[in-house]
Amino acid sequence: QGRLVESGGGLVQSGGSLRLSCATSGILFSVYTMSWYRQAPGKQGELVASINSGMNTNYADSVEGRFTICRDNDKNTMYLQMISLKPEETAVYYCRAYRTWDRNEWWGQGTQVTVSS
């Protein structure tokens, strides 16, 4: 049974930085594409960034250049470094593990990020 646990969220001022972590267990972490999603109140969820097993990364246009996704396969953990945060990026941030060949996926419970203006 896979388990994903996010941490690192909190309250930060506009322009500030946070580093989110997604610790996993119960899955063969290295073969999964790992992603960060976020959902703000009253808005649809959106993909923020992803990193596949080959370390290829993809970012939403809105975060390109400010957010950095990475993974540590030895620690079975994914990270999201966020800088220059904006109030509109206030949301619950979720991590997702996705295995492409059989569409097996796991989600974390989310971590709240609040950016004050």
Protein backbone atom coordinates (compact mmCIF):
# COMPACT_ATOMS: atom_id res chain seq x y z
CA GLN A 1 0.00 0.00 0.00
CA GLY A 2 1.49 3.26 -1.11
CA ARG A 3 1.63 6.26 1.16
CA LEU A 4 2.56 9.83 0.31
CA VAL A 5 3.02 12.46 3.00
CA GLU A 6 3.51 16.11 2.17
CA SER A 7 5.16 18.58 4.49
CA GLY A 8 6.67 22.02 4.42
CA GLY A 9 3.59 24.12 3.85
CA GLY A 10 2.80 27.16 5.90
CA LEU A 11 2.24 30.88 5.91
CA VAL A 12 4.65 33.07 4.02
CA GLN A 13 4.64 36.66 2.87
CA SER A 14 4.39 37.59 -0.77
CA GLY A 15 7.81 37.18 -2.34
CA GLY A 16 8.82 34.58 0.19
CA SER A 17 9.97 31.02 -0.24
CA LEU A 18 8.94 27.57 0.87
CA ARG A 19 10.20 24.08 0.29
CA LEU A 20 7.67 21.29 0.12
CA SER A 21 8.53 17.65 0.61
CA CYS A 22 6.66 14.52 -0.37
CA ALA A 23 7.88 11.46 1.47
CA THR A 24 6.73 8.15 0.05
CA SER A 25 6.57 4.60 1.30
CA GLY A 26 5.19 1.33 0.02
CA ILE A 27 5.95 2.07 -3.64
CA LEU A 28 8.94 1.57 -5.89
CA PHE A 29 9.54 5.29 -5.90
CA SER A 30 12.15 5.41 -8.66
CA VAL A 31 9.80 4.19 -11.40
CA TYR A 32 7.00 6.65 -10.70
CA THR A 33 6.44 10.00 -12.30
CA MET A 34 6.07 12.38 -9.39
CA SER A 35 4.02 15.54 -9.57
CA TRP A 36 2.83 18.48 -7.54
CA TYR A 37 -0.69 19.74 -7.97
CA ARG A 38 -2.44 22.57 -6.21
CA GLN A 39 -6.03 23.50 -5.59
CA ALA A 40 -7.17 26.88 -4.42
CA PRO A 41 -10.59 27.41 -2.85
CA GLY A 42 -13.27 27.57 -5.52
CA LYS A 43 -10.83 26.83 -8.31
CA GLN A 44 -9.97 23.79 -10.34
CA GLY A 45 -6.87 21.87 -9.42
CA GLU A 46 -3.84 22.43 -11.58
CA LEU A 47 -0.59 20.68 -12.29
CA VAL A 48 2.31 22.69 -10.91
CA ALA A 49 5.31 20.56 -11.81
CA SER A 50 6.30 17.00 -12.55
CA ILE A 51 9.46 14.92 -12.73
CA ASN A 52 9.67 11.51 -14.30
CA SER A 53 11.88 8.54 -13.62
CA GLY A 54 14.43 9.91 -16.05
CA MET A 55 14.63 13.20 -14.12
CA ASN A 56 12.88 15.09 -16.90
CA THR A 57 10.89 17.99 -15.48
CA ASN A 58 7.86 19.91 -16.56
CA TYR A 59 6.41 23.12 -15.13
CA ALA A 60 3.26 25.13 -15.42
CA ASP A 61 3.97 28.37 -17.25
CA SER A 62 2.96 30.35 -14.19
CA VAL A 63 5.72 28.87 -12.03
CA GLU A 64 8.49 28.42 -14.60
CA GLY A 65 11.67 29.99 -13.31
CA ARG A 66 10.43 30.30 -9.73
CA PHE A 67 9.69 26.71 -8.72
CA THR A 68 12.08 23.80 -8.87
CA ILE A 69 11.02 20.18 -8.61
CA CYS A 70 13.49 17.46 -7.75
CA ARG A 71 13.56 13.96 -6.36
CA ASP A 72 15.88 11.88 -4.24
CA ASN A 73 15.42 8.24 -5.15
CA ASP A 74 17.59 7.14 -2.25
CA LYS A 75 15.24 8.86 0.19
CA ASN A 76 12.04 8.08 -1.76
CA THR A 77 11.20 11.76 -1.51
CA MET A 78 10.24 14.52 -3.91
CA TYR A 79 10.67 18.22 -3.29
CA LEU A 80 9.32 21.50 -4.58
CA GLN A 81 11.37 24.61 -3.95
CA MET A 82 9.22 27.68 -4.38
CA ILE A 83 10.52 31.23 -4.49
CA SER A 84 8.91 34.61 -5.16
CA LEU A 85 5.57 33.29 -4.02
CA LYS A 86 2.44 35.22 -4.89
CA PRO A 87 -0.82 35.54 -2.94
CA GLU A 88 -2.72 33.86 -5.77
CA GLU A 89 -0.63 30.76 -5.20
CA THR A 90 -2.37 30.17 -1.91
CA ALA A 91 -3.69 26.63 -2.19
CA VAL A 92 -3.48 23.12 -0.90
CA TYR A 93 -0.53 21.44 -2.57
CA TYR A 94 -0.75 17.73 -3.27
CA CYS A 95 1.82 15.26 -4.44
CA ARG A 96 0.99 12.46 -6.80
CA ALA A 97 2.86 9.33 -7.80
CA TYR A 98 1.94 7.88 -11.18
CA ARG A 99 3.17 4.73 -12.86
CA THR A 100 2.66 5.11 -16.57
CA TRP A 101 2.47 1.55 -17.79
CA ASP A 102 -0.49 0.54 -15.64
CA ARG A 103 -1.76 3.96 -14.53
CA ASN A 104 -1.27 3.06 -10.89
CA GLU A 105 -1.36 6.25 -8.85
CA TRP A 106 -1.18 7.49 -5.29
CA TRP A 107 -1.97 10.87 -3.77
CA GLY A 108 -0.95 12.57 -0.61
CA GLN A 109 -3.28 14.32 1.78
CA GLY A 110 -2.04 17.79 0.87
CA THR A 111 -0.25 20.60 2.62
CA GLN A 112 -1.59 24.13 2.91
CA VAL A 113 0.43 26.99 1.47
CA THR A 114 -0.80 30.46 2.31
CA VAL A 115 0.85 33.52 0.80
CA SER A 116 -0.10 36.79 2.43
CA SER A 117 -0.03 40.07 0.56
